[in-house]
PDB file of N, CA and C in Angstrom:
ATOM      1  N   UNK A   1     -43.955  69.809  27.251  1.00  0.00           N
ATOM      2  CA  UNK A   1     -43.669  70.158  28.620  1.00  0.00           C
ATOM      3  C   UNK A   1     -44.335  69.149  29.561  1.00  0.00           C
ATOM      4  N   UNK A   2     -43.576  68.696  30.570  1.00  0.00           N
ATOM      5  CA  UNK A   2     -44.110  67.729  31.528  1.00  0.00           C
ATOM      6  C   UNK A   2     -44.975  68.429  32.569  1.00  0.00           C
ATOM      7  N   UNK A   3     -46.051  67.770  32.993  1.00  0.00           N
ATOM      8  CA  UNK A   3     -46.865  68.365  34.061  1.00  0.00           C
ATOM      9  C   UNK A   3     -46.110  68.293  35.394  1.00  0.00           C
ATOM     10  N   UNK A   4     -46.425  69.207  36.285  1.00  0.00           N
ATOM     11  CA  UNK A   4     -45.797  69.240  37.610  1.00  0.00           C
ATOM     12  C   UNK A   4     -46.284  68.048  38.435  1.00  0.00           C
ATOM     13  N   UNK A   5     -45.373  67.436  39.155  1.00  0.00           N
ATOM     14  CA  UNK A   5     -45.728  66.322  40.032  1.00  0.00           C
ATOM     15  C   UNK A   5     -46.249  66.866  41.358  1.00  0.00           C
ATOM     16  N   UNK A   6     -47.175  66.125  41.939  1.00  0.00           N
ATOM     17  CA  UNK A   6     -47.670  66.498  43.263  1.00  0.00           C
ATOM     18  C   UNK A   6     -46.666  66.135  44.343  1.00  0.00           C
ATOM     19  N   UNK A   7     -45.783  65.190  44.050  1.00  0.00           N
ATOM     20  CA  UNK A   7     -44.778  64.785  45.023  1.00  0.00           C
ATOM     21  C   UNK A   7     -43.481  64.478  44.285  1.00  0.00           C
ATOM     22  N   UNK A   8     -42.420  64.499  45.025  1.00  0.00           N
ATOM     23  CA  UNK A   8     -41.104  64.248  44.466  1.00  0.00           C
ATOM     24  C   UNK A   8     -40.559  62.980  45.106  1.00  0.00           C
ATOM     25  N   UNK A   9     -40.429  61.914  44.332  1.00  0.00           N
ATOM     26  CA  UNK A   9     -39.984  60.624  44.866  1.00  0.00           C
ATOM     27  C   UNK A   9     -38.574  60.710  45.452  1.00  0.00           C
ATOM     28  N   UNK A  10     -37.709  61.452  44.811  1.00  0.00           N
ATOM     29  CA  UNK A  10     -36.337  61.587  45.309  1.00  0.00           C
ATOM     30  C   UNK A  10     -36.349  62.281  46.663  1.00  0.00           C
ATOM     31  N   UNK A  11     -37.139  63.343  46.784  1.00  0.00           N
ATOM     32  CA  UNK A  11     -37.226  64.063  48.055  1.00  0.00           C
ATOM     33  C   UNK A  11     -37.844  63.180  49.129  1.00  0.00           C
ATOM     34  N   UNK A  12     -38.859  62.409  48.761  1.00  0.00           N
ATOM     35  CA  UNK A  12     -39.485  61.509  49.729  1.00  0.00           C
ATOM     36  C   UNK A  12     -38.482  60.472  50.224  1.00  0.00           C
ATOM     37  N   UNK A  13     -37.694  59.903  49.300  1.00  0.00           N
ATOM     38  CA  UNK A  13     -36.686  58.919  49.681  1.00  0.00           C
ATOM     39  C   UNK A  13     -35.654  59.559  50.606  1.00  0.00           C
ATOM     40  N   UNK A  14     -35.208  60.758  50.282  1.00  0.00           N
ATOM     41  CA  UNK A  14     -34.238  61.478  51.110  1.00  0.00           C
ATOM     42  C   UNK A  14     -34.795  61.705  52.516  1.00  0.00           C
ATOM     43  N   UNK A  15     -36.040  62.152  52.599  1.00  0.00           N
ATOM     44  CA  UNK A  15     -36.671  62.411  53.895  1.00  0.00           C
ATOM     45  C   UNK A  15     -36.748  61.142  54.743  1.00  0.00           C
ATOM     46  N   UNK A  16     -37.125  60.033  54.109  1.00  0.00           N
ATOM     47  CA  UNK A  16     -37.242  58.765  54.825  1.00  0.00           C
ATOM     48  C   UNK A  16     -35.872  58.306  55.316  1.00  0.00           C
ATOM     49  N   UNK A  17     -34.861  58.428  54.455  1.00  0.00           N
ATOM     50  CA  UNK A  17     -33.516  58.030  54.858  1.00  0.00           C
ATOM     51  C   UNK A  17     -33.014  58.878  56.026  1.00  0.00           C
ATOM     52  N   UNK A  18     -33.285  60.171  55.991  1.00  0.00           N
ATOM     53  CA  UNK A  18     -32.858  61.045  57.078  1.00  0.00           C
ATOM     54  C   UNK A  18     -33.554  60.686  58.378  1.00  0.00           C
ATOM     55  N   UNK A  19     -34.832  60.355  58.275  1.00  0.00           N
ATOM     56  CA  UNK A  19     -35.577  59.946  59.462  1.00  0.00           C
ATOM     57  C   UNK A  19     -34.978  58.674  60.056  1.00  0.00           C
ATOM     58  N   UNK A  20     -34.670  57.694  59.210  1.00  0.00           N
ATOM     59  CA  UNK A  20     -34.065  56.458  59.690  1.00  0.00           C
ATOM     60  C   UNK A  20     -32.698  56.711  60.313  1.00  0.00           C
ATOM     61  N   UNK A  21     -31.906  57.576  59.707  1.00  0.00           N
ATOM     62  CA  UNK A  21     -30.584  57.888  60.249  1.00  0.00           C
ATOM     63  C   UNK A  21     -30.693  58.538  61.623  1.00  0.00           C
ATOM     64  N   UNK A  22     -31.652  59.449  61.776  1.00  0.00           N
ATOM     65  CA  UNK A  22     -31.847  60.105  63.075  1.00  0.00           C
ATOM     66  C   UNK A  22     -32.305  59.104  64.125  1.00  0.00           C
ATOM     67  N   UNK A  23     -33.221  58.218  63.752  1.00  0.00           N
ATOM     68  CA  UNK A  23     -33.709  57.209  64.689  1.00  0.00           C
ATOM     69  C   UNK A  23     -32.579  56.269  65.106  1.00  0.00           C
ATOM     70  N   UNK A  24     -31.741  55.880  64.159  1.00  0.00           N
ATOM     71  CA  UNK A  24     -30.623  54.994  64.459  1.00  0.00           C
ATOM     72  C   UNK A  24     -29.611  55.690  65.373  1.00  0.00           C
ATOM     73  N   UNK A  25     -29.331  56.954  65.112  1.00  0.00           N
ATOM     74  CA  UNK A  25     -28.406  57.713  65.961  1.00  0.00           C
ATOM     75  C   UNK A  25     -28.963  57.816  67.380  1.00  0.00           C
ATOM     76  N   UNK A  26     -30.259  58.064  67.492  1.00  0.00           N
ATOM     77  CA  UNK A  26     -30.896  58.148  68.817  1.00  0.00           C
ATOM     78  C   UNK A  26     -30.804  56.807  69.542  1.00  0.00           C
ATOM     79  N   UNK A  27     -31.050  55.740  68.822  1.00  0.00           N
ATOM     80  CA  UNK A  27     -30.983  54.403  69.411  1.00  0.00           C
ATOM     81  C   UNK A  27     -29.566  54.100  69.900  1.00  0.00           C
ATOM     82  N   UNK A  28     -28.572  54.461  69.107  1.00  0.00           N
ATOM     83  CA  UNK A  28     -27.186  54.209  69.495  1.00  0.00           C
ATOM     84  C   UNK A  28     -26.788  55.032  70.722  1.00  0.00           C
ATOM     85  N   UNK A  29     -27.224  56.295  70.775  1.00  0.00           N
ATOM     86  CA  UNK A  29     -26.921  57.128  71.955  1.00  0.00           C
ATOM     87  C   UNK A  29     -27.561  56.543  73.205  1.00  0.00           C
ATOM     88  N   UNK A  30     -28.806  56.115  73.082  1.00  0.00           N
ATOM     89  CA  UNK A  30     -29.506  55.529  74.228  1.00  0.00           C
ATOM     90  C   UNK A  30     -28.810  54.245  74.683  1.00  0.00           C
ATOM     91  N   UNK A  31     -28.370  53.433  73.747  1.00  0.00           N
ATOM     92  CA  UNK A  31     -27.674  52.195  74.083  1.00  0.00           C
ATOM     93  C   UNK A  31     -26.358  52.492  74.805  1.00  0.00           C
ATOM     94  N   UNK A  32     -25.610  53.479  74.325  1.00  0.00           N
ATOM     95  CA  UNK A  32     -24.361  53.851  74.990  1.00  0.00           C
ATOM     96  C   UNK A  32     -24.616  54.337  76.413  1.00  0.00           C
ATOM     97  N   UNK A  33     -25.680  55.114  76.597  1.00  0.00           N
ATOM     98  CA  UNK A  33     -26.005  55.611  77.941  1.00  0.00           C
ATOM     99  C   UNK A  33     -26.370  54.452  78.870  1.00  0.00           C
ATOM    100  N   UNK A  34     -27.173  53.516  78.382  1.00  0.00           N
ATOM    101  CA  UNK A  34     -27.573  52.375  79.215  1.00  0.00           C
ATOM    102  C   UNK A  34     -26.377  51.518  79.604  1.00  0.00           C
ATOM    103  N   UNK A  35     -25.381  51.422  78.722  1.00  0.00           N
ATOM    104  CA  UNK A  35     -24.217  50.581  78.997  1.00  0.00           C
ATOM    105  C   UNK A  35     -23.095  51.319  79.711  1.00  0.00           C
ATOM    106  N   UNK A  36     -23.229  52.612  79.899  1.00  0.00           N
ATOM    107  CA  UNK A  36     -22.210  53.387  80.602  1.00  0.00           C
ATOM    108  C   UNK A  36     -22.270  53.031  82.084  1.00  0.00           C
ATOM    109  N   UNK A  37     -21.111  52.836  82.738  1.00  0.00           N
ATOM    110  CA  UNK A  37     -21.134  52.409  84.137  1.00  0.00           C
ATOM    111  C   UNK A  37     -21.658  53.459  85.118  1.00  0.00           C
ATOM    112  N   UNK A  38     -21.657  54.726  84.735  1.00  0.00           N
ATOM    113  CA  UNK A  38     -22.126  55.757  85.669  1.00  0.00           C
ATOM    114  C   UNK A  38     -23.625  56.030  85.502  1.00  0.00           C
ATOM    115  N   UNK A  39     -24.085  56.480  84.335  1.00  0.00           N
ATOM    116  CA  UNK A  39     -25.539  56.756  84.238  1.00  0.00           C
ATOM    117  C   UNK A  39     -26.383  55.515  84.016  1.00  0.00           C
ATOM    118  N   UNK A  40     -25.790  54.396  83.591  1.00  0.00           N
ATOM    119  CA  UNK A  40     -26.561  53.191  83.294  1.00  0.00           C
ATOM    120  C   UNK A  40     -27.432  52.713  84.447  1.00  0.00           C
ATOM    121  N   UNK A  41     -26.852  52.470  85.626  1.00  0.00           N
ATOM    122  CA  UNK A  41     -27.677  52.011  86.757  1.00  0.00           C
ATOM    123  C   UNK A  41     -28.754  53.027  87.162  1.00  0.00           C
ATOM    124  N   UNK A  42     -28.403  54.313  87.097  1.00  0.00           N
ATOM    125  CA  UNK A  42     -29.378  55.359  87.417  1.00  0.00           C
ATOM    126  C   UNK A  42     -30.553  55.306  86.452  1.00  0.00           C
ATOM    127  N   UNK A  43     -30.249  55.180  85.155  1.00  0.00           N
ATOM    128  CA  UNK A  43     -31.314  55.126  84.149  1.00  0.00           C
ATOM    129  C   UNK A  43     -32.190  53.889  84.341  1.00  0.00           C
ATOM    130  N   UNK A  44     -31.585  52.777  84.726  1.00  0.00           N
ATOM    131  CA  UNK A  44     -32.371  51.565  84.960  1.00  0.00           C
ATOM    132  C   UNK A  44     -33.335  51.751  86.136  1.00  0.00           C
ATOM    133  N   UNK A  45     -32.843  52.398  87.221  1.00  0.00           N
ATOM    134  CA  UNK A  45     -33.725  52.657  88.368  1.00  0.00           C
ATOM    135  C   UNK A  45     -34.865  53.597  87.976  1.00  0.00           C
ATOM    136  N   UNK A  46     -34.544  54.635  87.213  1.00  0.00           N
ATOM    137  CA  UNK A  46     -35.574  55.589  86.792  1.00  0.00           C
ATOM    138  C   UNK A  46     -36.618  54.903  85.914  1.00  0.00           C
ATOM    139  N   UNK A  47     -36.178  54.050  85.013  1.00  0.00           N
ATOM    140  CA  UNK A  47     -37.099  53.335  84.130  1.00  0.00           C
ATOM    141  C   UNK A  47     -37.997  52.407  84.945  1.00  0.00           C
ATOM    142  N   UNK A  48     -37.420  51.740  85.953  1.00  0.00           N
ATOM    143  CA  UNK A  48     -38.204  50.847  86.810  1.00  0.00           C
ATOM    144  C   UNK A  48     -39.249  51.640  87.598  1.00  0.00           C
ATOM    145  N   UNK A  49     -38.864  52.811  88.119  1.00  0.00           N
ATOM    146  CA  UNK A  49     -39.815  53.648  88.852  1.00  0.00           C
ATOM    147  C   UNK A  49     -40.926  54.135  87.931  1.00  0.00           C
ATOM    148  N   UNK A  50     -40.562  54.515  86.729  1.00  0.00           N
ATOM    149  CA  UNK A  50     -41.561  54.980  85.761  1.00  0.00           C
ATOM    150  C   UNK A  50     -42.547  53.864  85.430  1.00  0.00           C
ATOM    151  N   UNK A  51     -42.041  52.660  85.249  1.00  0.00           N
ATOM    152  CA  UNK A  51     -42.902  51.517  84.958  1.00  0.00           C
ATOM    153  C   UNK A  51     -43.818  51.218  86.142  1.00  0.00           C
ATOM    154  N   UNK A  52     -43.278  51.306  87.348  1.00  0.00           N
ATOM    155  CA  UNK A  52     -44.082  51.057  88.555  1.00  0.00           C
ATOM    156  C   UNK A  52     -45.217  52.075  88.670  1.00  0.00           C
ATOM    157  N   UNK A  53     -44.895  53.365  88.448  1.00  0.00           N
ATOM    158  CA  UNK A  53     -45.937  54.401  88.515  1.00  0.00           C
ATOM    159  C   UNK A  53     -47.022  54.182  87.461  1.00  0.00           C
ATOM    160  N   UNK A  54     -46.602  53.809  86.260  1.00  0.00           N
ATOM    161  CA  UNK A  54     -47.575  53.563  85.190  1.00  0.00           C
ATOM    162  C   UNK A  54     -48.478  52.379  85.545  1.00  0.00           C
ATOM    163  N   UNK A  55     -47.895  51.351  86.126  1.00  0.00           N
ATOM    164  CA  UNK A  55     -48.669  50.182  86.534  1.00  0.00           C
ATOM    165  C   UNK A  55     -49.683  50.557  87.616  1.00  0.00           C
ATOM    166  N   UNK A  56     -49.245  51.361  88.576  1.00  0.00           N
ATOM    167  CA  UNK A  56     -50.154  51.792  89.646  1.00  0.00           C
ATOM    168  C   UNK A  56     -51.294  52.622  89.084  1.00  0.00           C
ATOM    169  N   UNK A  57     -50.997  53.530  88.163  1.00  0.00           N
ATOM    170  CA  UNK A  57     -52.067  54.340  87.558  1.00  0.00           C
ATOM    171  C   UNK A  57     -53.049  53.473  86.794  1.00  0.00           C
ATOM    172  N   UNK A  58     -52.533  52.494  86.077  1.00  0.00           N
ATOM    173  CA  UNK A  58     -53.397  51.602  85.324  1.00  0.00           C
ATOM    174  C   UNK A  58     -54.293  50.795  86.254  1.00  0.00           C
ATOM    175  N   UNK A  59     -53.726  50.333  87.361  1.00  0.00           N
ATOM    176  CA  UNK A  59     -54.530  49.595  88.341  1.00  0.00           C
ATOM    177  C   UNK A  59     -55.630  50.463  88.930  1.00  0.00           C
ATOM    178  N   UNK A  60     -55.330  51.739  89.181  1.00  0.00           N
ATOM    179  CA  UNK A  60     -56.332  52.655  89.702  1.00  0.00           C
ATOM    180  C   UNK A  60     -57.466  52.850  88.691  1.00  0.00           C
ATOM    181  N   UNK A  61     -57.107  52.991  87.445  1.00  0.00           N
ATOM    182  CA  UNK A  61     -58.122  53.186  86.399  1.00  0.00           C
ATOM    183  C   UNK A  61     -59.002  51.966  86.289  1.00  0.00           C
ATOM    184  N   UNK A  62     -58.390  50.794  86.318  1.00  0.00           N
ATOM    185  CA  UNK A  62     -59.161  49.552  86.193  1.00  0.00           C
ATOM    186  C   UNK A  62     -60.069  49.354  87.401  1.00  0.00           C
ATOM    187  N   UNK A  63     -59.574  49.680  88.587  1.00  0.00           N
ATOM    188  CA  UNK A  63     -60.384  49.488  89.791  1.00  0.00           C
ATOM    189  C   UNK A  63     -61.571  50.449  89.837  1.00  0.00           C
ATOM    190  N   UNK A  64     -61.462  51.608  89.202  1.00  0.00           N
ATOM    191  CA  UNK A  64     -62.570  52.568  89.171  1.00  0.00           C
ATOM    192  C   UNK A  64     -63.654  52.144  88.185  1.00  0.00           C
ATOM    193  N   UNK A  65     -63.297  51.313  87.228  1.00  0.00           N
ATOM    194  CA  UNK A  65     -64.278  50.892  86.207  1.00  0.00           C
ATOM    195  C   UNK A  65     -65.242  49.882  86.722  1.00  0.00           C
TER     196      UNK A  65
END
């Protein structure tokens, strides 16, 4: 009789493949949204505002140090 394995290589491979598939699907959806003529420009403005706010917060933190 074989001893029980602590892990299952087939299951691990399946889990990793599923994770990659989900990440790829998410990436493709995001790319389609960015290239869509209606939400694309809006998303670009929102991303720019988010980056600006993050930069301002970082500058505040650095100036307090």
